[in-house]
Amino acid sequence: MHMQRQKTARIKRYWRSGLGVLAVSLFLTMSVLADEGPLDPSQPKGITSDEIIQKFAAKEKEFKIARDQYTYRQDVKVQVLDGSNTTGEYRQVFDVVFDDQGRRTENVVFAPQSTLENGGLSMDSGDYEDIRHRLPFVLTSDELTEYDILYKGQQQEDELHCYVFDIAPKQIVGKKRYFQGRIWVDDKDFQIVKTYGKTVPDIRAGKKGKEEHLYPSFTTWREQIDGKYWFPTFTKADDTLHFATGDIHIREIVKYEDYKRFGSQSKVTYAGEEVQKQDQGKDQKPQTAPPPQK
């Protein structure tokens, strides 16, 4: 997003090459951690932190492939707030489906005229890419070398006991965007169940009148779908973006609903084994990760 009258919604300020993962903790706020138990800094027992990283990254790769075989509905709302008043809003609901050729596509089912400009903001292609691909953050084994990953300890997340890691890109390469923040990994199945952080980098206003692009901190919760996959189901951001010309308070809510496996010929594996076709399309009650405060 970017602000009209030389503002925007994006994030880069602290995360240029060389800053590393230790600074992640500086932006973790108590409001985000309020529904969690205390952080225990002790080392894991019977397994190393590096082994945990390799395990959850391998699972993430499997889940990324599996999610590409699912249809679902994504409901997006972005608001500009002035106190308790909403001064601008963007809303879109779309279904991620497959056409008759088995190709993945999006069908927009609800998209009223955006009024974000009334609150001083507008969205660009980078914002839409973040909503679709970076808010439901996935860190696969293919991407591990791009990040510094620091073990922080263990923490109770609702009924789940989790290992906690802070993550930051090792360097910013070209125009590529990254995730910076914290993840919670279930200690039984080694699966990411929650993420908190930002997409980076920001784009700050330059001397030549370059627009600013700043990004809010967000939390994404996951639920277990079909008894196997921890897919994102709810993302929330509630943050104040500090532009050179003033602050803007935004709220962003993204819901991912009605996951159903597409009945294609593609093979989907879990823990190295192919998921049987009779599992496809079953409506099973998902196990829920820590509930978001909506």
Foldseek 3Di string as FASTA:
>chain_A
DAFAVQGAAAAAVQAAAPNAQPCQVVPDDCVVCVQWFDFDQDADPPDHPVRLVQQQQAQLVLQVVQLVQKKWKKWKKKFWDDPPDTQWIWIWIWIFDADPVRHTDIGTDDGDDTGVNSNGYDDDPVVVCCLVEVLQPGRHPVNVVQKDKAWRGWIGFPPFIWTKIFIGGNHDDDPDKDWGHMFTAGPPNSYTFKTKTHIDHWDAQDPVGDGTHHHFIKMWGFWAFLVAHTGTAKMWTWDWDQHPVGIITMIMIMGIGDIFGHQDPDFRDGPRHTDDSVSGGDDDDIGGTRDDDD
